[in-house]
Amino acid sequence: MHRIDTPTAQKDKFGQGKNGFTNGDPATGRRATDLNSDMWDAVQEEVCTVIEAAGIPLSKGEHTQLHAAIGRLIDEQVKTRLEKNQNGADIPNKPLFLQN
């Protein structure tokens, strides 16, 4: 991923080296930020990578795929991290356990 780097990007908008977008200002002649394929390809691939990593096929008409993918990826991790035998719920003497 990278930040917008066209000549009309707002330089250092979010700190040094962190360009952003501007709507422009007709009064001063400042142009709005031009978009380029590099930036949009980066956004597209970042989003698509998450969706595909969750095993969800990309579908042009669906606009909730990223949300579903994040939920699925979190659920997969939770299942392996919060099982009873891995979270301490089965420890009979918790104070003794904490001392050790």
PDB file of N, CA and C in Angstrom:
ATOM      1  N   MET A   1       0.862  -1.170   0.000  1.00  0.00           N
ATOM      2  CA  MET A   1       0.000   0.000   0.000  1.00  0.00           C
ATOM      3  C   MET A   1       0.902   1.224   0.000  1.00  0.00           C
ATOM      4  N   HIS A   2       0.404   2.287  -0.533  1.00  0.00           N
ATOM      5  CA  HIS A   2       1.141   3.544  -0.470  1.00  0.00           C
ATOM      6  C   HIS A   2       0.159   4.703  -0.446  1.00  0.00           C
ATOM      7  N   ARG A   3       0.647   5.840  -0.016  1.00  0.00           N
ATOM      8  CA  ARG A   3      -0.190   7.040  -0.015  1.00  0.00           C
ATOM      9  C   ARG A   3      -0.173   7.678  -1.398  1.00  0.00           C
ATOM     10  N   ILE A   4      -1.180   8.466  -1.654  1.00  0.00           N
ATOM     11  CA  ILE A   4      -1.291   9.166  -2.936  1.00  0.00           C
ATOM     12  C   ILE A   4      -0.009   9.969  -3.185  1.00  0.00           C
ATOM     13  N   ASP A   5       0.481   9.898  -4.410  1.00  0.00           N
ATOM     14  CA  ASP A   5       1.736  10.594  -4.706  1.00  0.00           C
ATOM     15  C   ASP A   5       1.692  11.348  -6.037  1.00  0.00           C
ATOM     16  N   THR A   6       0.496  11.733  -6.448  1.00  0.00           N
ATOM     17  CA  THR A   6       0.392  12.525  -7.673  1.00  0.00           C
ATOM     18  C   THR A   6       0.887  13.947  -7.394  1.00  0.00           C
ATOM     19  N   PRO A   7       1.223  14.697  -8.435  1.00  0.00           N
ATOM     20  CA  PRO A   7       1.720  16.068  -8.228  1.00  0.00           C
ATOM     21  C   PRO A   7       0.724  16.979  -7.500  1.00  0.00           C
ATOM     22  N   THR A   8      -0.559  16.663  -7.553  1.00  0.00           N
ATOM     23  CA  THR A   8      -1.560  17.519  -6.906  1.00  0.00           C
ATOM     24  C   THR A   8      -1.949  17.023  -5.513  1.00  0.00           C
ATOM     25  N   ALA A   9      -1.292  15.979  -5.023  1.00  0.00           N
ATOM     26  CA  ALA A   9      -1.582  15.498  -3.667  1.00  0.00           C
ATOM     27  C   ALA A   9      -1.236  16.588  -2.658  1.00  0.00           C
ATOM     28  N   GLN A  10      -1.935  16.582  -1.533  1.00  0.00           N
ATOM     29  CA  GLN A  10      -1.604  17.534  -0.473  1.00  0.00           C
ATOM     30  C   GLN A  10      -0.421  16.961   0.300  1.00  0.00           C
ATOM     31  N   LYS A  11       0.724  17.577   0.147  1.00  0.00           N
ATOM     32  CA  LYS A  11       1.960  17.088   0.753  1.00  0.00           C
ATOM     33  C   LYS A  11       1.895  17.167   2.271  1.00  0.00           C
ATOM     34  N   ASP A  12       2.352  16.101   2.914  1.00  0.00           N
ATOM     35  CA  ASP A  12       2.505  16.036   4.369  1.00  0.00           C
ATOM     36  C   ASP A  12       1.210  16.319   5.133  1.00  0.00           C
ATOM     37  N   LYS A  13       0.072  16.013   4.554  1.00  0.00           N
ATOM     38  CA  LYS A  13      -1.223  16.294   5.191  1.00  0.00           C
ATOM     39  C   LYS A  13      -1.342  15.614   6.556  1.00  0.00           C
ATOM     40  N   PHE A  14      -0.815  14.396   6.672  1.00  0.00           N
ATOM     41  CA  PHE A  14      -0.937  13.637   7.918  1.00  0.00           C
ATOM     42  C   PHE A  14       0.400  13.500   8.635  1.00  0.00           C
ATOM     43  N   GLY A  15       1.324  14.403   8.355  1.00  0.00           N
ATOM     44  CA  GLY A  15       2.662  14.357   8.930  1.00  0.00           C
ATOM     45  C   GLY A  15       3.689  14.235   7.818  1.00  0.00           C
ATOM     46  N   GLN A  16       4.942  14.357   8.177  1.00  0.00           N
ATOM     47  CA  GLN A  16       6.010  14.341   7.178  1.00  0.00           C
ATOM     48  C   GLN A  16       5.980  13.053   6.360  1.00  0.00           C
ATOM     49  N   GLY A  17       5.916  13.216   5.051  1.00  0.00           N
ATOM     50  CA  GLY A  17       5.893  12.075   4.140  1.00  0.00           C
ATOM     51  C   GLY A  17       4.557  11.372   4.040  1.00  0.00           C
ATOM     52  N   LYS A  18       3.526  11.934   4.652  1.00  0.00           N
ATOM     53  CA  LYS A  18       2.197  11.311   4.673  1.00  0.00           C
ATOM     54  C   LYS A  18       1.215  12.178   3.896  1.00  0.00           C
ATOM     55  N   ASN A  19       1.257  12.028   2.589  1.00  0.00           N
ATOM     56  CA  ASN A  19       0.398  12.834   1.720  1.00  0.00           C
ATOM     57  C   ASN A  19      -1.063  12.449   1.867  1.00  0.00           C
ATOM     58  N   GLY A  20      -1.939  13.366   1.476  1.00  0.00           N
ATOM     59  CA  GLY A  20      -3.372  13.121   1.491  1.00  0.00           C
ATOM     60  C   GLY A  20      -4.035  13.777   0.293  1.00  0.00           C
ATOM     61  N   PHE A  21      -5.323  13.903   0.371  1.00  0.00           N
ATOM     62  CA  PHE A  21      -6.127  14.452  -0.719  1.00  0.00           C
ATOM     63  C   PHE A  21      -6.580  15.863  -0.367  1.00  0.00           C
ATOM     64  N   THR A  22      -6.886  16.638  -1.399  1.00  0.00           N
ATOM     65  CA  THR A  22      -7.475  17.958  -1.211  1.00  0.00           C
ATOM     66  C   THR A  22      -8.578  18.152  -2.246  1.00  0.00           C
ATOM     67  N   ASN A  23      -9.594  18.883  -1.867  1.00  0.00           N
ATOM     68  CA  ASN A  23     -10.666  19.219  -2.808  1.00  0.00           C
ATOM     69  C   ASN A  23     -10.267  20.364  -3.730  1.00  0.00           C
ATOM     70  N   GLY A  24      -9.130  20.959  -3.440  1.00  0.00           N
ATOM     71  CA  GLY A  24      -8.703  22.109  -4.223  1.00  0.00           C
ATOM     72  C   GLY A  24      -9.324  23.385  -3.676  1.00  0.00           C
ATOM     73  N   ASP A  25      -8.928  24.499  -4.257  1.00  0.00           N
ATOM     74  CA  ASP A  25      -9.456  25.798  -3.842  1.00  0.00           C
ATOM     75  C   ASP A  25      -9.470  26.718  -5.058  1.00  0.00           C
ATOM     76  N   PRO A  26     -10.656  26.910  -5.668  1.00  0.00           N
ATOM     77  CA  PRO A  26     -10.737  27.758  -6.856  1.00  0.00           C
ATOM     78  C   PRO A  26     -10.232  29.181  -6.611  1.00  0.00           C
ATOM     79  N   ALA A  27     -10.383  29.672  -5.386  1.00  0.00           N
ATOM     80  CA  ALA A  27      -9.957  31.038  -5.084  1.00  0.00           C
ATOM     81  C   ALA A  27      -8.441  31.198  -5.191  1.00  0.00           C
ATOM     82  N   THR A  28      -7.708  30.136  -4.869  1.00  0.00           N
ATOM     83  CA  THR A  28      -6.245  30.217  -4.914  1.00  0.00           C
ATOM     84  C   THR A  28      -5.664  29.518  -6.142  1.00  0.00           C
ATOM     85  N   GLY A  29      -6.525  28.846  -6.903  1.00  0.00           N
ATOM     86  CA  GLY A  29      -6.056  28.120  -8.077  1.00  0.00           C
ATOM     87  C   GLY A  29      -5.506  26.744  -7.771  1.00  0.00           C
ATOM     88  N   ARG A  30      -5.628  26.331  -6.528  1.00  0.00           N
ATOM     89  CA  ARG A  30      -5.151  24.987  -6.169  1.00  0.00           C
ATOM     90  C   ARG A  30      -6.096  23.940  -6.736  1.00  0.00           C
ATOM     91  N   ARG A  31      -5.542  22.999  -7.474  1.00  0.00           N
ATOM     92  CA  ARG A  31      -6.343  21.932  -8.075  1.00  0.00           C
ATOM     93  C   ARG A  31      -6.654  20.851  -7.051  1.00  0.00           C
ATOM     94  N   ALA A  32      -7.772  20.193  -7.251  1.00  0.00           N
ATOM     95  CA  ALA A  32      -8.094  19.027  -6.430  1.00  0.00           C
ATOM     96  C   ALA A  32      -7.091  17.921  -6.745  1.00  0.00           C
ATOM     97  N   THR A  33      -6.916  17.009  -5.821  1.00  0.00           N
ATOM     98  CA  THR A  33      -5.963  15.918  -6.006  1.00  0.00           C
ATOM     99  C   THR A  33      -6.364  15.036  -7.179  1.00  0.00           C
ATOM    100  N   ASP A  34      -5.432  14.852  -8.100  1.00  0.00           N
ATOM    101  CA  ASP A  34      -5.635  13.903  -9.194  1.00  0.00           C
ATOM    102  C   ASP A  34      -5.429  12.493  -8.649  1.00  0.00           C
ATOM    103  N   LEU A  35      -6.241  11.570  -9.122  1.00  0.00           N
ATOM    104  CA  LEU A  35      -6.104  10.172  -8.715  1.00  0.00           C
ATOM    105  C   LEU A  35      -5.303   9.438  -9.774  1.00  0.00           C
ATOM    106  N   ASN A  36      -4.585   8.402  -9.350  1.00  0.00           N
ATOM    107  CA  ASN A  36      -3.842   7.615 -10.328  1.00  0.00           C
ATOM    108  C   ASN A  36      -4.057   6.123 -10.096  1.00  0.00           C
ATOM    109  N   SER A  37      -3.716   5.345 -11.087  1.00  0.00           N
ATOM    110  CA  SER A  37      -3.961   3.906 -11.007  1.00  0.00           C
ATOM    111  C   SER A  37      -3.109   3.238  -9.935  1.00  0.00           C
ATOM    112  N   ASP A  38      -1.916   3.743  -9.662  1.00  0.00           N
ATOM    113  CA  ASP A  38      -1.076   3.126  -8.630  1.00  0.00           C
ATOM    114  C   ASP A  38      -1.779   3.122  -7.281  1.00  0.00           C
ATOM    115  N   MET A  39      -2.343   4.266  -6.915  1.00  0.00           N
ATOM    116  CA  MET A  39      -3.011   4.370  -5.625  1.00  0.00           C
ATOM    117  C   MET A  39      -4.250   3.487  -5.581  1.00  0.00           C
ATOM    118  N   TRP A  40      -5.065   3.538  -6.621  1.00  0.00           N
ATOM    119  CA  TRP A  40      -6.297   2.754  -6.630  1.00  0.00           C
ATOM    120  C   TRP A  40      -6.025   1.259  -6.748  1.00  0.00           C
ATOM    121  N   ASP A  41      -4.973   0.871  -7.476  1.00  0.00           N
ATOM    122  CA  ASP A  41      -4.595  -0.544  -7.518  1.00  0.00           C
ATOM    123  C   ASP A  41      -4.193  -1.025  -6.131  1.00  0.00           C
ATOM    124  N   ALA A  42      -3.469  -0.185  -5.398  1.00  0.00           N
ATOM    125  CA  ALA A  42      -3.055  -0.555  -4.045  1.00  0.00           C
ATOM    126  C   ALA A  42      -4.263  -0.747  -3.143  1.00  0.00           C
ATOM    127  N   VAL A  43      -5.212   0.181  -3.187  1.00  0.00           N
ATOM    128  CA  VAL A  43      -6.425   0.056  -2.371  1.00  0.00           C
ATOM    129  C   VAL A  43      -7.189  -1.208  -2.755  1.00  0.00           C
ATOM    130  N   GLN A  44      -7.375  -1.407  -4.046  1.00  0.00           N
ATOM    131  CA  GLN A  44      -8.105  -2.583  -4.528  1.00  0.00           C
ATOM    132  C   GLN A  44      -7.461  -3.870  -4.023  1.00  0.00           C
ATOM    133  N   GLU A  45      -6.157  -3.988  -4.169  1.00  0.00           N
ATOM    134  CA  GLU A  45      -5.494  -5.231  -3.804  1.00  0.00           C
ATOM    135  C   GLU A  45      -5.440  -5.442  -2.297  1.00  0.00           C
ATOM    136  N   GLU A  46      -5.323  -4.370  -1.522  1.00  0.00           N
ATOM    137  CA  GLU A  46      -5.371  -4.503  -0.063  1.00  0.00           C
ATOM    138  C   GLU A  46      -6.724  -5.061   0.375  1.00  0.00           C
ATOM    139  N   VAL A  47      -7.801  -4.525  -0.178  1.00  0.00           N
ATOM    140  CA  VAL A  47      -9.150  -4.977   0.175  1.00  0.00           C
ATOM    141  C   VAL A  47      -9.390  -6.396  -0.331  1.00  0.00           C
ATOM    142  N   CYS A  48      -9.052  -6.657  -1.592  1.00  0.00           N
ATOM    143  CA  CYS A  48      -9.289  -7.981  -2.174  1.00  0.00           C
ATOM    144  C   CYS A  48      -8.495  -9.064  -1.459  1.00  0.00           C
ATOM    145  N   THR A  49      -7.295  -8.745  -1.012  1.00  0.00           N
ATOM    146  CA  THR A  49      -6.478  -9.725  -0.300  1.00  0.00           C
ATOM    147  C   THR A  49      -7.163 -10.193   0.974  1.00  0.00           C
ATOM    148  N   VAL A  50      -7.765  -9.284   1.718  1.00  0.00           N
ATOM    149  CA  VAL A  50      -8.470  -9.654   2.949  1.00  0.00           C
ATOM    150  C   VAL A  50      -9.664 -10.545   2.622  1.00  0.00           C
ATOM    151  N   ILE A  51     -10.438 -10.162   1.628  1.00  0.00           N
ATOM    152  CA  ILE A  51     -11.629 -10.929   1.249  1.00  0.00           C
ATOM    153  C   ILE A  51     -11.234 -12.331   0.799  1.00  0.00           C
ATOM    154  N   GLU A  52     -10.246 -12.425  -0.061  1.00  0.00           N
ATOM    155  CA  GLU A  52      -9.821 -13.730  -0.569  1.00  0.00           C
ATOM    156  C   GLU A  52      -9.170 -14.579   0.517  1.00  0.00           C
ATOM    157  N   ALA A  53      -8.461 -13.964   1.451  1.00  0.00           N
ATOM    158  CA  ALA A  53      -7.851 -14.712   2.552  1.00  0.00           C
ATOM    159  C   ALA A  53      -8.905 -15.377   3.426  1.00  0.00           C
ATOM    160  N   ALA A  54     -10.096 -14.800   3.454  1.00  0.00           N
ATOM    161  CA  ALA A  54     -11.201 -15.372   4.227  1.00  0.00           C
ATOM    162  C   ALA A  54     -11.945 -16.446   3.444  1.00  0.00           C
ATOM    163  N   GLY A  55     -11.508 -16.699   2.209  1.00  0.00           N
ATOM    164  CA  GLY A  55     -12.155 -17.729   1.398  1.00  0.00           C
ATOM    165  C   GLY A  55     -13.442 -17.276   0.746  1.00  0.00           C
ATOM    166  N   ILE A  56     -13.632 -15.986   0.646  1.00  0.00           N
ATOM    167  CA  ILE A  56     -14.850 -15.442   0.038  1.00  0.00           C
ATOM    168  C   ILE A  56     -14.530 -15.050  -1.401  1.00  0.00           C
ATOM    169  N   PRO A  57     -15.267 -15.595  -2.374  1.00  0.00           N
ATOM    170  CA  PRO A  57     -15.015 -15.190  -3.758  1.00  0.00           C
ATOM    171  C   PRO A  57     -15.496 -13.753  -3.992  1.00  0.00           C
ATOM    172  N   LEU A  58     -14.721 -13.003  -4.752  1.00  0.00           N
ATOM    173  CA  LEU A  58     -15.102 -11.622  -5.044  1.00  0.00           C
ATOM    174  C   LEU A  58     -16.375 -11.599  -5.878  1.00  0.00           C
ATOM    175  N   SER A  59     -17.284 -10.704  -5.528  1.00  0.00           N
ATOM    176  CA  SER A  59     -18.553 -10.578  -6.238  1.00  0.00           C
ATOM    177  C   SER A  59     -18.844  -9.096  -6.449  1.00  0.00           C
ATOM    178  N   LYS A  60     -18.922  -8.693  -7.701  1.00  0.00           N
ATOM    179  CA  LYS A  60     -19.072  -7.283  -8.053  1.00  0.00           C
ATOM    180  C   LYS A  60     -20.282  -6.624  -7.401  1.00  0.00           C
ATOM    181  N   GLY A  61     -21.387  -7.326  -7.269  1.00  0.00           N
ATOM    182  CA  GLY A  61     -22.609  -6.727  -6.742  1.00  0.00           C
ATOM    183  C   GLY A  61     -22.724  -6.739  -5.230  1.00  0.00           C
ATOM    184  N   GLU A  62     -21.783  -7.342  -4.540  1.00  0.00           N
ATOM    185  CA  GLU A  62     -21.835  -7.420  -3.075  1.00  0.00           C
ATOM    186  C   GLU A  62     -20.966  -6.321  -2.479  1.00  0.00           C
ATOM    187  N   HIS A  63     -21.524  -5.576  -1.548  1.00  0.00           N
ATOM    188  CA  HIS A  63     -20.777  -4.467  -0.962  1.00  0.00           C
ATOM    189  C   HIS A  63     -20.538  -4.652   0.531  1.00  0.00           C
ATOM    190  N   THR A  64     -20.649  -5.893   1.002  1.00  0.00           N
ATOM    191  CA  THR A  64     -20.387  -6.183   2.411  1.00  0.00           C
ATOM    192  C   THR A  64     -19.315  -7.255   2.564  1.00  0.00           C
ATOM    193  N   GLN A  65     -18.593  -7.536   1.503  1.00  0.00           N
ATOM    194  CA  GLN A  65     -17.617  -8.621   1.529  1.00  0.00           C
ATOM    195  C   GLN A  65     -16.452  -8.354   2.478  1.00  0.00           C
ATOM    196  N   LEU A  66     -15.960  -7.141   2.539  1.00  0.00           N
ATOM    197  CA  LEU A  66     -14.849  -6.840   3.438  1.00  0.00           C
ATOM    198  C   LEU A  66     -15.281  -7.033   4.886  1.00  0.00           C
ATOM    199  N   HIS A  67     -16.455  -6.561   5.220  1.00  0.00           N
ATOM    200  CA  HIS A  67     -16.993  -6.735   6.570  1.00  0.00           C
ATOM    201  C   HIS A  67     -17.114  -8.217   6.905  1.00  0.00           C
ATOM    202  N   ALA A  68     -17.677  -8.986   5.991  1.00  0.00           N
ATOM    203  CA  ALA A  68     -17.837 -10.431   6.209  1.00  0.00           C
ATOM    204  C   ALA A  68     -16.479 -11.109   6.354  1.00  0.00           C
ATOM    205  N   ALA A  69     -15.525 -10.702   5.548  1.00  0.00           N
ATOM    206  CA  ALA A  69     -14.197 -11.314   5.591  1.00  0.00           C
ATOM    207  C   ALA A  69     -13.504 -11.041   6.923  1.00  0.00           C
ATOM    208  N   ILE A  70     -13.572  -9.816   7.390  1.00  0.00           N
ATOM    209  CA  ILE A  70     -12.943  -9.483   8.669  1.00  0.00           C
ATOM    210  C   ILE A  70     -13.590 -10.292   9.786  1.00  0.00           C
ATOM    211  N   GLY A  71     -14.918 -10.369   9.777  1.00  0.00           N
ATOM    212  CA  GLY A  71     -15.618 -11.168  10.781  1.00  0.00           C
ATOM    213  C   GLY A  71     -15.207 -12.624  10.737  1.00  0.00           C
ATOM    214  N   ARG A  72     -15.116 -13.184   9.541  1.00  0.00           N
ATOM    215  CA  ARG A  72     -14.742 -14.592   9.395  1.00  0.00           C
ATOM    216  C   ARG A  72     -13.314 -14.830   9.880  1.00  0.00           C
ATOM    217  N   LEU A  73     -12.404 -13.947   9.519  1.00  0.00           N
ATOM    218  CA  LEU A  73     -11.010 -14.112   9.939  1.00  0.00           C
ATOM    219  C   LEU A  73     -10.865 -13.997  11.458  1.00  0.00           C
ATOM    220  N   ILE A  74     -11.610 -13.093  12.059  1.00  0.00           N
ATOM    221  CA  ILE A  74     -11.584 -12.966  13.522  1.00  0.00           C
ATOM    222  C   ILE A  74     -12.169 -14.212  14.160  1.00  0.00           C
ATOM    223  N   ASP A  75     -13.313 -14.665  13.665  1.00  0.00           N
ATOM    224  CA  ASP A  75     -13.943 -15.870  14.215  1.00  0.00           C
ATOM    225  C   ASP A  75     -13.007 -17.066  14.164  1.00  0.00           C
ATOM    226  N   GLU A  76     -12.280 -17.225  13.057  1.00  0.00           N
ATOM    227  CA  GLU A  76     -11.345 -18.346  12.932  1.00  0.00           C
ATOM    228  C   GLU A  76     -10.255 -18.274  13.994  1.00  0.00           C
ATOM    229  N   GLN A  77      -9.782 -17.071  14.282  1.00  0.00           N
ATOM    230  CA  GLN A  77      -8.736 -16.916  15.292  1.00  0.00           C
ATOM    231  C   GLN A  77      -9.284 -17.116  16.700  1.00  0.00           C
ATOM    232  N   VAL A  78     -10.480 -16.623  16.956  1.00  0.00           N
ATOM    233  CA  VAL A  78     -11.079 -16.751  18.281  1.00  0.00           C
ATOM    234  C   VAL A  78     -11.282 -18.218  18.635  1.00  0.00           C
ATOM    235  N   LYS A  79     -11.706 -19.005  17.672  1.00  0.00           N
ATOM    236  CA  LYS A  79     -11.959 -20.427  17.932  1.00  0.00           C
ATOM    237  C   LYS A  79     -10.710 -21.137  18.433  1.00  0.00           C
ATOM    238  N   THR A  80      -9.565 -20.762  17.961  1.00  0.00           N
ATOM    239  CA  THR A  80      -8.335 -21.431  18.388  1.00  0.00           C
ATOM    240  C   THR A  80      -7.685 -20.757  19.586  1.00  0.00           C
ATOM    241  N   ARG A  81      -8.111 -19.573  19.934  1.00  0.00           N
ATOM    242  CA  ARG A  81      -7.467 -18.851  21.030  1.00  0.00           C
ATOM    243  C   ARG A  81      -8.252 -18.903  22.345  1.00  0.00           C
ATOM    244  N   LEU A  82      -9.554 -19.053  22.267  1.00  0.00           N
ATOM    245  CA  LEU A  82     -10.361 -18.963  23.480  1.00  0.00           C
ATOM    246  C   LEU A  82     -11.023 -20.281  23.872  1.00  0.00           C
ATOM    247  N   GLU A  83     -10.436 -21.384  23.450  1.00  0.00           N
ATOM    248  CA  GLU A  83     -10.982 -22.666  23.865  1.00  0.00           C
ATOM    249  C   GLU A  83     -10.740 -22.841  25.355  1.00  0.00           C
ATOM    250  N   LYS A  84     -11.629 -23.561  26.017  1.00  0.00           N
ATOM    251  CA  LYS A  84     -11.546 -23.730  27.459  1.00  0.00           C
ATOM    252  C   LYS A  84     -10.170 -24.231  27.885  1.00  0.00           C
ATOM    253  N   ASN A  85      -9.622 -25.170  27.135  1.00  0.00           N
ATOM    254  CA  ASN A  85      -8.335 -25.729  27.543  1.00  0.00           C
ATOM    255  C   ASN A  85      -7.165 -24.787  27.277  1.00  0.00           C
ATOM    256  N   GLN A  86      -7.445 -23.615  26.729  1.00  0.00           N
ATOM    257  CA  GLN A  86      -6.376 -22.658  26.455  1.00  0.00           C
ATOM    258  C   GLN A  86      -6.578 -21.321  27.166  1.00  0.00           C
ATOM    259  N   ASN A  87      -7.643 -21.169  27.941  1.00  0.00           N
ATOM    260  CA  ASN A  87      -7.898 -19.847  28.522  1.00  0.00           C
ATOM    261  C   ASN A  87      -7.862 -19.811  30.045  1.00  0.00           C
ATOM    262  N   GLY A  88      -7.555 -20.929  30.687  1.00  0.00           N
ATOM    263  CA  GLY A  88      -7.442 -20.938  32.136  1.00  0.00           C
ATOM    264  C   GLY A  88      -8.734 -21.196  32.883  1.00  0.00           C
ATOM    265  N   ALA A  89      -9.853 -21.374  32.193  1.00  0.00           N
ATOM    266  CA  ALA A  89     -11.130 -21.606  32.871  1.00  0.00           C
ATOM    267  C   ALA A  89     -11.142 -22.927  33.627  1.00  0.00           C
ATOM    268  N   ASP A  90     -10.285 -23.856  33.247  1.00  0.00           N
ATOM    269  CA  ASP A  90     -10.278 -25.167  33.887  1.00  0.00           C
ATOM    270  C   ASP A  90      -9.285 -25.254  35.052  1.00  0.00           C
ATOM    271  N   ILE A  91      -8.656 -24.153  35.430  1.00  0.00           N
ATOM    272  CA  ILE A  91      -7.693 -24.161  36.533  1.00  0.00           C
ATOM    273  C   ILE A  91      -8.471 -24.121  37.845  1.00  0.00           C
ATOM    274  N   PRO A  92      -8.349 -25.160  38.671  1.00  0.00           N
ATOM    275  CA  PRO A  92      -9.155 -25.210  39.899  1.00  0.00           C
ATOM    276  C   PRO A  92      -8.717 -24.196  40.954  1.00  0.00           C
ATOM    277  N   ASN A  93      -7.417 -23.930  41.090  1.00  0.00           N
ATOM    278  CA  ASN A  93      -6.927 -23.020  42.113  1.00  0.00           C
ATOM    279  C   ASN A  93      -6.202 -21.860  41.423  1.00  0.00           C
ATOM    280  N   LYS A  94      -6.964 -20.878  41.021  1.00  0.00           N
ATOM    281  CA  LYS A  94      -6.395 -19.764  40.257  1.00  0.00           C
ATOM    282  C   LYS A  94      -5.363 -18.953  41.051  1.00  0.00           C
ATOM    283  N   PRO A  95      -5.585 -18.657  42.357  1.00  0.00           N
ATOM    284  CA  PRO A  95      -4.560 -17.922  43.111  1.00  0.00           C
ATOM    285  C   PRO A  95      -3.216 -18.660  43.140  1.00  0.00           C
ATOM    286  N   LEU A  96      -3.260 -19.975  43.320  1.00  0.00           N
ATOM    287  CA  LEU A  96      -2.030 -20.754  43.320  1.00  0.00           C
ATOM    288  C   LEU A  96      -1.374 -20.718  41.940  1.00  0.00           C
ATOM    289  N   PHE A  97      -2.193 -20.799  40.924  1.00  0.00           N
ATOM    290  CA  PHE A  97      -1.684 -20.741  39.553  1.00  0.00           C
ATOM    291  C   PHE A  97      -0.971 -19.411  39.308  1.00  0.00           C
ATOM    292  N   LEU A  98      -1.569 -18.315  39.775  1.00  0.00           N
ATOM    293  CA  LEU A  98      -0.977 -16.997  39.568  1.00  0.00           C
ATOM    294  C   LEU A  98       0.331 -16.828  40.341  1.00  0.00           C
ATOM    295  N   GLN A  99       0.448 -17.474  41.493  1.00  0.00           N
ATOM    296  CA  GLN A  99       1.689 -17.400  42.272  1.00  0.00           C
ATOM    297  C   GLN A  99       2.837 -18.089  41.546  1.00  0.00           C
ATOM    298  N   ASN A 100       2.497 -19.142  40.843  1.00  0.00           N
ATOM    299  CA  ASN A 100       3.543 -19.912  40.160  1.00  0.00           C
ATOM    300  C   ASN A 100       3.854 -19.269  38.845  1.00  0.00           C
TER     301      ASN A 100
END
